[in-house]
């Protein structure tokens, strides 16, 4: 998505430009506005991320074990499928079995 790429450029730029303005050019007038722009871009990033999470329900799927990571890609586990975590997990001991 184009917006992600724009944000990926603006966020680090908004960190380094104020440093450059302060240390190299010895001017602080523009620093406020550059930092304010960086904060706004950060807010836009989390706004978009919230929309994406809401649209995909990724947080709910991850919390309920319906996502898995396979070959560097996140996949949704279909109904009736068993996750890798479920097949590789050992039975857990209860507190009473520890003694």
PDB file of N, CA and C in Angstrom:
ATOM      1  N   UNK A   1       0.841  -1.169   0.000  1.00  0.00           N
ATOM      2  CA  UNK A   1       0.000   0.000   0.000  1.00  0.00           C
ATOM      3  C   UNK A   1       0.895   1.245   0.000  1.00  0.00           C
ATOM      4  N   UNK A   2       0.535   2.185  -0.791  1.00  0.00           N
ATOM      5  CA  UNK A   2       1.322   3.407  -0.946  1.00  0.00           C
ATOM      6  C   UNK A   2       1.433   4.180   0.371  1.00  0.00           C
ATOM      7  N   UNK A   3       0.350   4.238   1.113  1.00  0.00           N
ATOM      8  CA  UNK A   3       0.364   4.995   2.369  1.00  0.00           C
ATOM      9  C   UNK A   3       1.394   4.419   3.339  1.00  0.00           C
ATOM     10  N   UNK A   4       1.529   3.107   3.386  1.00  0.00           N
ATOM     11  CA  UNK A   4       2.520   2.478   4.261  1.00  0.00           C
ATOM     12  C   UNK A   4       3.941   2.892   3.867  1.00  0.00           C
ATOM     13  N   UNK A   5       4.178   2.958   2.589  1.00  0.00           N
ATOM     14  CA  UNK A   5       5.517   3.353   2.118  1.00  0.00           C
ATOM     15  C   UNK A   5       5.813   4.816   2.440  1.00  0.00           C
ATOM     16  N   UNK A   6       4.818   5.660   2.281  1.00  0.00           N
ATOM     17  CA  UNK A   6       4.989   7.081   2.607  1.00  0.00           C
ATOM     18  C   UNK A   6       5.295   7.229   4.092  1.00  0.00           C
ATOM     19  N   UNK A   7       4.533   6.538   4.932  1.00  0.00           N
ATOM     20  CA  UNK A   7       4.748   6.591   6.378  1.00  0.00           C
ATOM     21  C   UNK A   7       6.130   6.039   6.727  1.00  0.00           C
ATOM     22  N   UNK A   8       6.535   4.970   6.055  1.00  0.00           N
ATOM     23  CA  UNK A   8       7.843   4.367   6.322  1.00  0.00           C
ATOM     24  C   UNK A   8       8.992   5.316   6.007  1.00  0.00           C
ATOM     25  N   UNK A   9       8.781   6.262   5.125  1.00  0.00           N
ATOM     26  CA  UNK A   9       9.813   7.259   4.804  1.00  0.00           C
ATOM     27  C   UNK A   9       9.722   8.454   5.756  1.00  0.00           C
ATOM     28  N   UNK A  10       8.505   8.918   6.021  1.00  0.00           N
ATOM     29  CA  UNK A  10       8.338  10.129   6.821  1.00  0.00           C
ATOM     30  C   UNK A  10       8.721   9.918   8.292  1.00  0.00           C
ATOM     31  N   UNK A  11       8.365   8.768   8.875  1.00  0.00           N
ATOM     32  CA  UNK A  11       8.628   8.574  10.308  1.00  0.00           C
ATOM     33  C   UNK A  11      10.118   8.662  10.652  1.00  0.00           C
ATOM     34  N   UNK A  12      11.002   7.926  10.005  1.00  0.00           N
ATOM     35  CA  UNK A  12      12.417   8.074  10.360  1.00  0.00           C
ATOM     36  C   UNK A  12      12.981   9.441   9.954  1.00  0.00           C
ATOM     37  N   UNK A  13      12.477   9.987   8.862  1.00  0.00           N
ATOM     38  CA  UNK A  13      12.934  11.311   8.430  1.00  0.00           C
ATOM     39  C   UNK A  13      12.600  12.355   9.488  1.00  0.00           C
ATOM     40  N   UNK A  14      11.428  12.236  10.085  1.00  0.00           N
ATOM     41  CA  UNK A  14      11.024  13.216  11.091  1.00  0.00           C
ATOM     42  C   UNK A  14      11.830  13.095  12.377  1.00  0.00           C
ATOM     43  N   UNK A  15      12.577  12.021  12.525  1.00  0.00           N
ATOM     44  CA  UNK A  15      13.472  11.899  13.681  1.00  0.00           C
ATOM     45  C   UNK A  15      14.835  12.521  13.387  1.00  0.00           C
ATOM     46  N   UNK A  16      15.318  12.366  12.178  1.00  0.00           N
ATOM     47  CA  UNK A  16      16.666  12.812  11.847  1.00  0.00           C
ATOM     48  C   UNK A  16      16.748  14.273  11.387  1.00  0.00           C
ATOM     49  N   UNK A  17      15.701  14.774  10.780  1.00  0.00           N
ATOM     50  CA  UNK A  17      15.709  16.168  10.338  1.00  0.00           C
ATOM     51  C   UNK A  17      15.840  17.135  11.521  1.00  0.00           C
ATOM     52  N   UNK A  18      15.087  16.955  12.616  1.00  0.00           N
ATOM     53  CA  UNK A  18      15.288  17.873  13.752  1.00  0.00           C
ATOM     54  C   UNK A  18      16.713  17.827  14.316  1.00  0.00           C
ATOM     55  N   UNK A  19      17.278  16.645  14.379  1.00  0.00           N
ATOM     56  CA  UNK A  19      18.669  16.524  14.843  1.00  0.00           C
ATOM     57  C   UNK A  19      19.597  17.343  13.928  1.00  0.00           C
ATOM     58  N   UNK A  20      19.405  17.177  12.626  1.00  0.00           N
ATOM     59  CA  UNK A  20      20.222  17.907  11.661  1.00  0.00           C
ATOM     60  C   UNK A  20      20.031  19.415  11.799  1.00  0.00           C
ATOM     61  N   UNK A  21      18.780  19.855  11.939  1.00  0.00           N
ATOM     62  CA  UNK A  21      18.499  21.287  12.073  1.00  0.00           C
ATOM     63  C   UNK A  21      19.143  21.865  13.327  1.00  0.00           C
ATOM     64  N   UNK A  22      19.119  21.104  14.412  1.00  0.00           N
ATOM     65  CA  UNK A  22      19.696  21.588  15.674  1.00  0.00           C
ATOM     66  C   UNK A  22      21.216  21.555  15.687  1.00  0.00           C
ATOM     67  N   UNK A  23      21.803  20.471  15.215  1.00  0.00           N
ATOM     68  CA  UNK A  23      23.254  20.318  15.348  1.00  0.00           C
ATOM     69  C   UNK A  23      24.039  20.950  14.216  1.00  0.00           C
ATOM     70  N   UNK A  24      23.566  20.816  13.015  1.00  0.00           N
ATOM     71  CA  UNK A  24      24.333  21.294  11.862  1.00  0.00           C
ATOM     72  C   UNK A  24      23.974  22.727  11.456  1.00  0.00           C
ATOM     73  N   UNK A  25      22.705  23.031  11.425  1.00  0.00           N
ATOM     74  CA  UNK A  25      22.280  24.353  10.964  1.00  0.00           C
ATOM     75  C   UNK A  25      22.053  25.326  12.112  1.00  0.00           C
ATOM     76  N   UNK A  26      22.079  24.832  13.336  1.00  0.00           N
ATOM     77  CA  UNK A  26      21.906  25.662  14.542  1.00  0.00           C
ATOM     78  C   UNK A  26      20.625  26.493  14.497  1.00  0.00           C
ATOM     79  N   UNK A  27      19.573  25.888  13.995  1.00  0.00           N
ATOM     80  CA  UNK A  27      18.273  26.552  13.965  1.00  0.00           C
ATOM     81  C   UNK A  27      17.254  25.664  14.666  1.00  0.00           C
ATOM     82  N   UNK A  28      16.421  26.245  15.456  1.00  0.00           N
ATOM     83  CA  UNK A  28      15.423  25.462  16.165  1.00  0.00           C
ATOM     84  C   UNK A  28      13.996  25.842  15.790  1.00  0.00           C
ATOM     85  N   UNK A  29      13.849  26.860  14.955  1.00  0.00           N
ATOM     86  CA  UNK A  29      12.509  27.320  14.589  1.00  0.00           C
ATOM     87  C   UNK A  29      11.706  26.246  13.858  1.00  0.00           C
ATOM     88  N   UNK A  30      12.335  25.537  12.961  1.00  0.00           N
ATOM     89  CA  UNK A  30      11.619  24.532  12.171  1.00  0.00           C
ATOM     90  C   UNK A  30      11.509  23.193  12.892  1.00  0.00           C
ATOM     91  N   UNK A  31      12.292  23.019  13.936  1.00  0.00           N
ATOM     92  CA  UNK A  31      12.306  21.729  14.631  1.00  0.00           C
ATOM     93  C   UNK A  31      10.920  21.364  15.156  1.00  0.00           C
ATOM     94  N   UNK A  32      10.238  22.294  15.763  1.00  0.00           N
ATOM     95  CA  UNK A  32       8.911  22.037  16.301  1.00  0.00           C
ATOM     96  C   UNK A  32       7.990  21.477  15.224  1.00  0.00           C
ATOM     97  N   UNK A  33       7.977  22.107  14.057  1.00  0.00           N
ATOM     98  CA  UNK A  33       7.056  21.691  13.001  1.00  0.00           C
ATOM     99  C   UNK A  33       7.430  20.335  12.414  1.00  0.00           C
ATOM    100  N   UNK A  34       8.713  20.062  12.325  1.00  0.00           N
ATOM    101  CA  UNK A  34       9.146  18.750  11.825  1.00  0.00           C
ATOM    102  C   UNK A  34       8.754  17.667  12.823  1.00  0.00           C
ATOM    103  N   UNK A  35       8.978  17.932  14.105  1.00  0.00           N
ATOM    104  CA  UNK A  35       8.603  16.954  15.121  1.00  0.00           C
ATOM    105  C   UNK A  35       7.083  16.795  15.204  1.00  0.00           C
ATOM    106  N   UNK A  36       6.348  17.879  15.058  1.00  0.00           N
ATOM    107  CA  UNK A  36       4.884  17.807  15.054  1.00  0.00           C
ATOM    108  C   UNK A  36       4.388  16.970  13.878  1.00  0.00           C
ATOM    109  N   UNK A  37       5.018  17.135  12.729  1.00  0.00           N
ATOM    110  CA  UNK A  37       4.649  16.325  11.556  1.00  0.00           C
ATOM    111  C   UNK A  37       4.921  14.847  11.833  1.00  0.00           C
ATOM    112  N   UNK A  38       6.039  14.553  12.478  1.00  0.00           N
ATOM    113  CA  UNK A  38       6.363  13.165  12.817  1.00  0.00           C
ATOM    114  C   UNK A  38       5.341  12.561  13.757  1.00  0.00           C
ATOM    115  N   UNK A  39       4.891  13.342  14.736  1.00  0.00           N
ATOM    116  CA  UNK A  39       3.872  12.853  15.671  1.00  0.00           C
ATOM    117  C   UNK A  39       2.557  12.606  14.943  1.00  0.00           C
ATOM    118  N   UNK A  40       2.193  13.505  14.031  1.00  0.00           N
ATOM    119  CA  UNK A  40       0.964  13.323  13.251  1.00  0.00           C
ATOM    120  C   UNK A  40       1.038  12.075  12.383  1.00  0.00           C
ATOM    121  N   UNK A  41       2.175  11.852  11.757  1.00  0.00           N
ATOM    122  CA  UNK A  41       2.348  10.660  10.918  1.00  0.00           C
ATOM    123  C   UNK A  41       2.265   9.398  11.774  1.00  0.00           C
ATOM    124  N   UNK A  42       2.841   9.447  12.968  1.00  0.00           N
ATOM    125  CA  UNK A  42       2.746   8.318  13.891  1.00  0.00           C
ATOM    126  C   UNK A  42       1.284   8.023  14.224  1.00  0.00           C
ATOM    127  N   UNK A  43       0.495   9.071  14.453  1.00  0.00           N
ATOM    128  CA  UNK A  43      -0.925   8.898  14.722  1.00  0.00           C
ATOM    129  C   UNK A  43      -1.662   8.304  13.531  1.00  0.00           C
ATOM    130  N   UNK A  44      -1.342   8.763  12.329  1.00  0.00           N
ATOM    131  CA  UNK A  44      -1.959   8.219  11.112  1.00  0.00           C
ATOM    132  C   UNK A  44      -1.613   6.741  10.967  1.00  0.00           C
ATOM    133  N   UNK A  45      -0.349   6.400  11.267  1.00  0.00           N
ATOM    134  CA  UNK A  45       0.074   4.996  11.190  1.00  0.00           C
ATOM    135  C   UNK A  45      -0.802   4.128  12.091  1.00  0.00           C
ATOM    136  N   UNK A  46      -0.984   4.507  13.348  1.00  0.00           N
ATOM    137  CA  UNK A  46      -1.775   3.695  14.267  1.00  0.00           C
ATOM    138  C   UNK A  46      -3.255   3.733  13.922  1.00  0.00           C
ATOM    139  N   UNK A  47      -3.727   4.802  13.344  1.00  0.00           N
ATOM    140  CA  UNK A  47      -5.112   4.851  12.873  1.00  0.00           C
ATOM    141  C   UNK A  47      -5.324   3.813  11.766  1.00  0.00           C
ATOM    142  N   UNK A  48      -4.413   3.792  10.799  1.00  0.00           N
ATOM    143  CA  UNK A  48      -4.516   2.805   9.712  1.00  0.00           C
ATOM    144  C   UNK A  48      -4.347   1.388  10.232  1.00  0.00           C
ATOM    145  N   UNK A  49      -3.413   1.204  11.151  1.00  0.00           N
ATOM    146  CA  UNK A  49      -3.193  -0.128  11.725  1.00  0.00           C
ATOM    147  C   UNK A  49      -4.450  -0.600  12.453  1.00  0.00           C
ATOM    148  N   UNK A  50      -5.120   0.294  13.174  1.00  0.00           N
ATOM    149  CA  UNK A  50      -6.366  -0.057  13.860  1.00  0.00           C
ATOM    150  C   UNK A  50      -7.448  -0.485  12.881  1.00  0.00           C
ATOM    151  N   UNK A  51      -7.551   0.227  11.767  1.00  0.00           N
ATOM    152  CA  UNK A  51      -8.529  -0.149  10.733  1.00  0.00           C
ATOM    153  C   UNK A  51      -8.201  -1.539  10.183  1.00  0.00           C
ATOM    154  N   UNK A  52      -6.925  -1.794   9.908  1.00  0.00           N
ATOM    155  CA  UNK A  52      -6.527  -3.093   9.367  1.00  0.00           C
ATOM    156  C   UNK A  52      -6.817  -4.225  10.356  1.00  0.00           C
ATOM    157  N   UNK A  53      -6.482  -4.004  11.611  1.00  0.00           N
ATOM    158  CA  UNK A  53      -6.730  -5.042  12.621  1.00  0.00           C
ATOM    159  C   UNK A  53      -8.223  -5.283  12.765  1.00  0.00           C
ATOM    160  N   UNK A  54      -9.011  -4.220  12.771  1.00  0.00           N
ATOM    161  CA  UNK A  54     -10.457  -4.361  12.883  1.00  0.00           C
ATOM    162  C   UNK A  54     -11.041  -5.079  11.672  1.00  0.00           C
ATOM    163  N   UNK A  55     -10.553  -4.749  10.496  1.00  0.00           N
ATOM    164  CA  UNK A  55     -11.072  -5.332   9.258  1.00  0.00           C
ATOM    165  C   UNK A  55     -10.742  -6.821   9.156  1.00  0.00           C
ATOM    166  N   UNK A  56      -9.548  -7.212   9.594  1.00  0.00           N
ATOM    167  CA  UNK A  56      -9.121  -8.606   9.465  1.00  0.00           C
ATOM    168  C   UNK A  56      -9.386  -9.443  10.712  1.00  0.00           C
ATOM    169  N   UNK A  57      -9.691  -8.786  11.843  1.00  0.00           N
ATOM    170  CA  UNK A  57      -9.879  -9.463  13.136  1.00  0.00           C
ATOM    171  C   UNK A  57      -8.645 -10.283  13.504  1.00  0.00           C
ATOM    172  N   UNK A  58      -7.470  -9.810  13.093  1.00  0.00           N
ATOM    173  CA  UNK A  58      -6.228 -10.549  13.324  1.00  0.00           C
ATOM    174  C   UNK A  58      -5.932 -10.718  14.805  1.00  0.00           C
ATOM    175  N   UNK A  59      -6.237  -9.705  15.607  1.00  0.00           N
ATOM    176  CA  UNK A  59      -5.966  -9.822  17.041  1.00  0.00           C
ATOM    177  C   UNK A  59      -6.809 -10.914  17.682  1.00  0.00           C
ATOM    178  N   UNK A  60      -8.072 -10.998  17.313  1.00  0.00           N
ATOM    179  CA  UNK A  60      -8.963 -12.030  17.853  1.00  0.00           C
ATOM    180  C   UNK A  60      -8.529 -13.419  17.379  1.00  0.00           C
ATOM    181  N   UNK A  61      -8.173 -13.521  16.096  1.00  0.00           N
ATOM    182  CA  UNK A  61      -7.734 -14.814  15.558  1.00  0.00           C
ATOM    183  C   UNK A  61      -6.446 -15.279  16.220  1.00  0.00           C
ATOM    184  N   UNK A  62      -5.527 -14.354  16.444  1.00  0.00           N
ATOM    185  CA  UNK A  62      -4.269 -14.713  17.092  1.00  0.00           C
ATOM    186  C   UNK A  62      -4.509 -15.132  18.539  1.00  0.00           C
ATOM    187  N   UNK A  63      -5.371 -14.430  19.243  1.00  0.00           N
ATOM    188  CA  UNK A  63      -5.638 -14.741  20.645  1.00  0.00           C
ATOM    189  C   UNK A  63      -6.341 -16.075  20.820  1.00  0.00           C
ATOM    190  N   UNK A  64      -7.088 -16.499  19.820  1.00  0.00           N
ATOM    191  CA  UNK A  64      -7.813 -17.766  19.926  1.00  0.00           C
ATOM    192  C   UNK A  64      -7.107 -18.903  19.196  1.00  0.00           C
ATOM    193  N   UNK A  65      -5.879 -18.670  18.737  1.00  0.00           N
ATOM    194  CA  UNK A  65      -5.089 -19.732  18.124  1.00  0.00           C
ATOM    195  C   UNK A  65      -5.495 -20.091  16.711  1.00  0.00           C
ATOM    196  N   UNK A  66      -6.127 -19.164  16.017  1.00  0.00           N
ATOM    197  CA  UNK A  66      -6.561 -19.448  14.644  1.00  0.00           C
ATOM    198  C   UNK A  66      -5.602 -18.934  13.581  1.00  0.00           C
ATOM    199  N   UNK A  67      -4.407 -18.499  13.988  1.00  0.00           N
ATOM    200  CA  UNK A  67      -3.369 -18.086  13.049  1.00  0.00           C
ATOM    201  C   UNK A  67      -2.116 -18.905  13.297  1.00  0.00           C
ATOM    202  N   UNK A  68      -1.366 -19.147  12.252  1.00  0.00           N
ATOM    203  CA  UNK A  68      -0.080 -19.819  12.402  1.00  0.00           C
ATOM    204  C   UNK A  68       0.921 -19.184  11.457  1.00  0.00           C
ATOM    205  N   UNK A  69       2.180 -19.317  11.824  1.00  0.00           N
ATOM    206  CA  UNK A  69       3.267 -18.805  10.999  1.00  0.00           C
ATOM    207  C   UNK A  69       3.912 -19.994  10.293  1.00  0.00           C
ATOM    208  N   UNK A  70       3.885 -19.963   8.972  1.00  0.00           N
ATOM    209  CA  UNK A  70       4.460 -21.053   8.198  1.00  0.00           C
ATOM    210  C   UNK A  70       5.276 -20.450   7.061  1.00  0.00           C
ATOM    211  N   UNK A  71       6.563 -20.754   7.047  1.00  0.00           N
ATOM    212  CA  UNK A  71       7.483 -20.261   6.017  1.00  0.00           C
ATOM    213  C   UNK A  71       7.472 -18.738   5.936  1.00  0.00           C
ATOM    214  N   UNK A  72       7.402 -18.091   7.084  1.00  0.00           N
ATOM    215  CA  UNK A  72       7.453 -16.641   7.120  1.00  0.00           C
ATOM    216  C   UNK A  72       6.152 -15.949   6.753  1.00  0.00           C
ATOM    217  N   UNK A  73       5.079 -16.708   6.574  1.00  0.00           N
ATOM    218  CA  UNK A  73       3.788 -16.149   6.206  1.00  0.00           C
ATOM    219  C   UNK A  73       2.749 -16.523   7.252  1.00  0.00           C
ATOM    220  N   UNK A  74       1.925 -15.572   7.628  1.00  0.00           N
ATOM    221  CA  UNK A  74       0.862 -15.839   8.580  1.00  0.00           C
ATOM    222  C   UNK A  74      -0.324 -16.417   7.819  1.00  0.00           C
ATOM    223  N   UNK A  75      -0.820 -17.557   8.301  1.00  0.00           N
ATOM    224  CA  UNK A  75      -1.956 -18.214   7.671  1.00  0.00           C
ATOM    225  C   UNK A  75      -3.073 -18.373   8.687  1.00  0.00           C
ATOM    226  N   UNK A  76      -4.301 -18.325   8.204  1.00  0.00           N
ATOM    227  CA  UNK A  76      -5.433 -18.602   9.081  1.00  0.00           C
ATOM    228  C   UNK A  76      -5.687 -20.101   9.071  1.00  0.00           C
ATOM    229  N   UNK A  77      -5.930 -20.640  10.241  1.00  0.00           N
ATOM    230  CA  UNK A  77      -6.212 -22.075  10.366  1.00  0.00           C
ATOM    231  C   UNK A  77      -7.689 -22.277  10.100  1.00  0.00           C
ATOM    232  N   UNK A  78      -7.993 -23.196   9.194  1.00  0.00           N
ATOM    233  CA  UNK A  78      -9.374 -23.467   8.845  1.00  0.00           C
ATOM    234  C   UNK A  78     -10.099 -24.223   9.940  1.00  0.00           C
ATOM    235  N   UNK A  79     -11.408 -24.288   9.823  1.00  0.00           N
ATOM    236  CA  UNK A  79     -12.226 -25.003  10.802  1.00  0.00           C
ATOM    237  C   UNK A  79     -11.860 -26.476  10.765  1.00  0.00           C
ATOM    238  N   UNK A  80     -11.599 -27.048  11.918  1.00  0.00           N
ATOM    239  CA  UNK A  80     -11.251 -28.460  12.011  1.00  0.00           C
ATOM    240  C   UNK A  80      -9.767 -28.741  11.869  1.00  0.00           C
ATOM    241  N   UNK A  81      -8.990 -27.774  11.410  1.00  0.00           N
ATOM    242  CA  UNK A  81      -7.543 -27.953  11.322  1.00  0.00           C
ATOM    243  C   UNK A  81      -6.930 -27.825  12.697  1.00  0.00           C
ATOM    244  N   UNK A  82      -5.808 -28.486  12.865  1.00  0.00           N
ATOM    245  CA  UNK A  82      -5.086 -28.407  14.125  1.00  0.00           C
ATOM    246  C   UNK A  82      -3.859 -27.555  13.895  1.00  0.00           C
ATOM    247  N   UNK A  83      -3.623 -26.616  14.799  1.00  0.00           N
ATOM    248  CA  UNK A  83      -2.459 -25.744  14.646  1.00  0.00           C
ATOM    249  C   UNK A  83      -1.189 -26.508  14.968  1.00  0.00           C
ATOM    250  N   UNK A  84      -0.056 -26.021  14.462  1.00  0.00           N
ATOM    251  CA  UNK A  84       1.241 -26.623  14.757  1.00  0.00           C
ATOM    252  C   UNK A  84       1.497 -26.621  16.254  1.00  0.00           C
ATOM    253  N   UNK A  85       1.064 -25.566  16.919  1.00  0.00           N
ATOM    254  CA  UNK A  85       1.257 -25.461  18.370  1.00  0.00           C
ATOM    255  C   UNK A  85       0.502 -26.585  19.086  1.00  0.00           C
ATOM    256  N   UNK A  86      -0.689 -26.901  18.617  1.00  0.00           N
ATOM    257  CA  UNK A  86      -1.485 -27.938  19.265  1.00  0.00           C
ATOM    258  C   UNK A  86      -0.887 -29.322  19.042  1.00  0.00           C
ATOM    259  N   UNK A  87      -0.298 -29.574  17.892  1.00  0.00           N
ATOM    260  CA  UNK A  87       0.266 -30.891  17.626  1.00  0.00           C
ATOM    261  C   UNK A  87       1.630 -31.074  18.275  1.00  0.00           C
ATOM    262  N   UNK A  88       2.360 -29.992  18.499  1.00  0.00           N
ATOM    263  CA  UNK A  88       3.689 -30.081  19.086  1.00  0.00           C
ATOM    264  C   UNK A  88       3.693 -29.899  20.596  1.00  0.00           C
ATOM    265  N   UNK A  89       2.547 -29.578  21.173  1.00  0.00           N
ATOM    266  CA  UNK A  89       2.540 -29.297  22.605  1.00  0.00           C
ATOM    267  C   UNK A  89       2.410 -30.587  23.404  1.00  0.00           C
ATOM    268  N   UNK A  90       3.039 -30.576  24.560  1.00  0.00           N
ATOM    269  CA  UNK A  90       2.950 -31.706  25.483  1.00  0.00           C
ATOM    270  C   UNK A  90       1.783 -31.451  26.420  1.00  0.00           C
ATOM    271  N   UNK A  91       1.212 -32.510  26.981  1.00  0.00           N
ATOM    272  CA  UNK A  91       0.158 -32.287  27.975  1.00  0.00           C
ATOM    273  C   UNK A  91       0.732 -31.526  29.162  1.00  0.00           C
ATOM    274  N   UNK A  92       0.005 -30.592  29.656  1.00  0.00           N
ATOM    275  CA  UNK A  92       0.475 -29.798  30.787  1.00  0.00           C
ATOM    276  C   UNK A  92       0.092 -30.474  32.086  1.00  0.00           C
ATOM    277  N   UNK A  93       0.991 -30.371  33.026  1.00  0.00           N
ATOM    278  CA  UNK A  93       0.721 -30.920  34.343  1.00  0.00           C
ATOM    279  C   UNK A  93      -0.094 -29.926  35.144  1.00  0.00           C
ATOM    280  N   UNK A  94      -1.023 -30.442  35.906  1.00  0.00           N
ATOM    281  CA  UNK A  94      -1.781 -29.573  36.783  1.00  0.00           C
ATOM    282  C   UNK A  94      -0.974 -29.302  38.032  1.00  0.00           C
ATOM    283  N   UNK A  95      -1.413 -28.353  38.814  1.00  0.00           N
ATOM    284  CA  UNK A  95      -0.692 -27.973  40.027  1.00  0.00           C
ATOM    285  C   UNK A  95      -0.587 -29.167  40.983  1.00  0.00           C
ATOM    286  N   UNK A  96      -1.603 -29.991  41.065  1.00  0.00           N
ATOM    287  CA  UNK A  96      -1.575 -31.128  41.987  1.00  0.00           C
ATOM    288  C   UNK A  96      -0.586 -32.216  41.534  1.00  0.00           C
ATOM    289  N   UNK A  97      -0.319 -32.309  40.241  1.00  0.00           N
ATOM    290  CA  UNK A  97       0.612 -33.317  39.728  1.00  0.00           C
ATOM    291  C   UNK A  97       2.066 -32.952  39.971  1.00  0.00           C
ATOM    292  N   UNK A  98       2.355 -31.691  40.277  1.00  0.00           N
ATOM    293  CA  UNK A  98       3.713 -31.258  40.530  1.00  0.00           C
ATOM    294  C   UNK A  98       4.250 -31.820  41.829  1.00  0.00           C
ATOM    295  N   UNK A  99       3.402 -32.142  42.800  1.00  0.00           N
ATOM    296  CA  UNK A  99       3.838 -32.574  44.129  1.00  0.00           C
ATOM    297  C   UNK A  99       4.006 -34.026  44.197  1.00  0.00           C
TER     298      UNK A  99
END
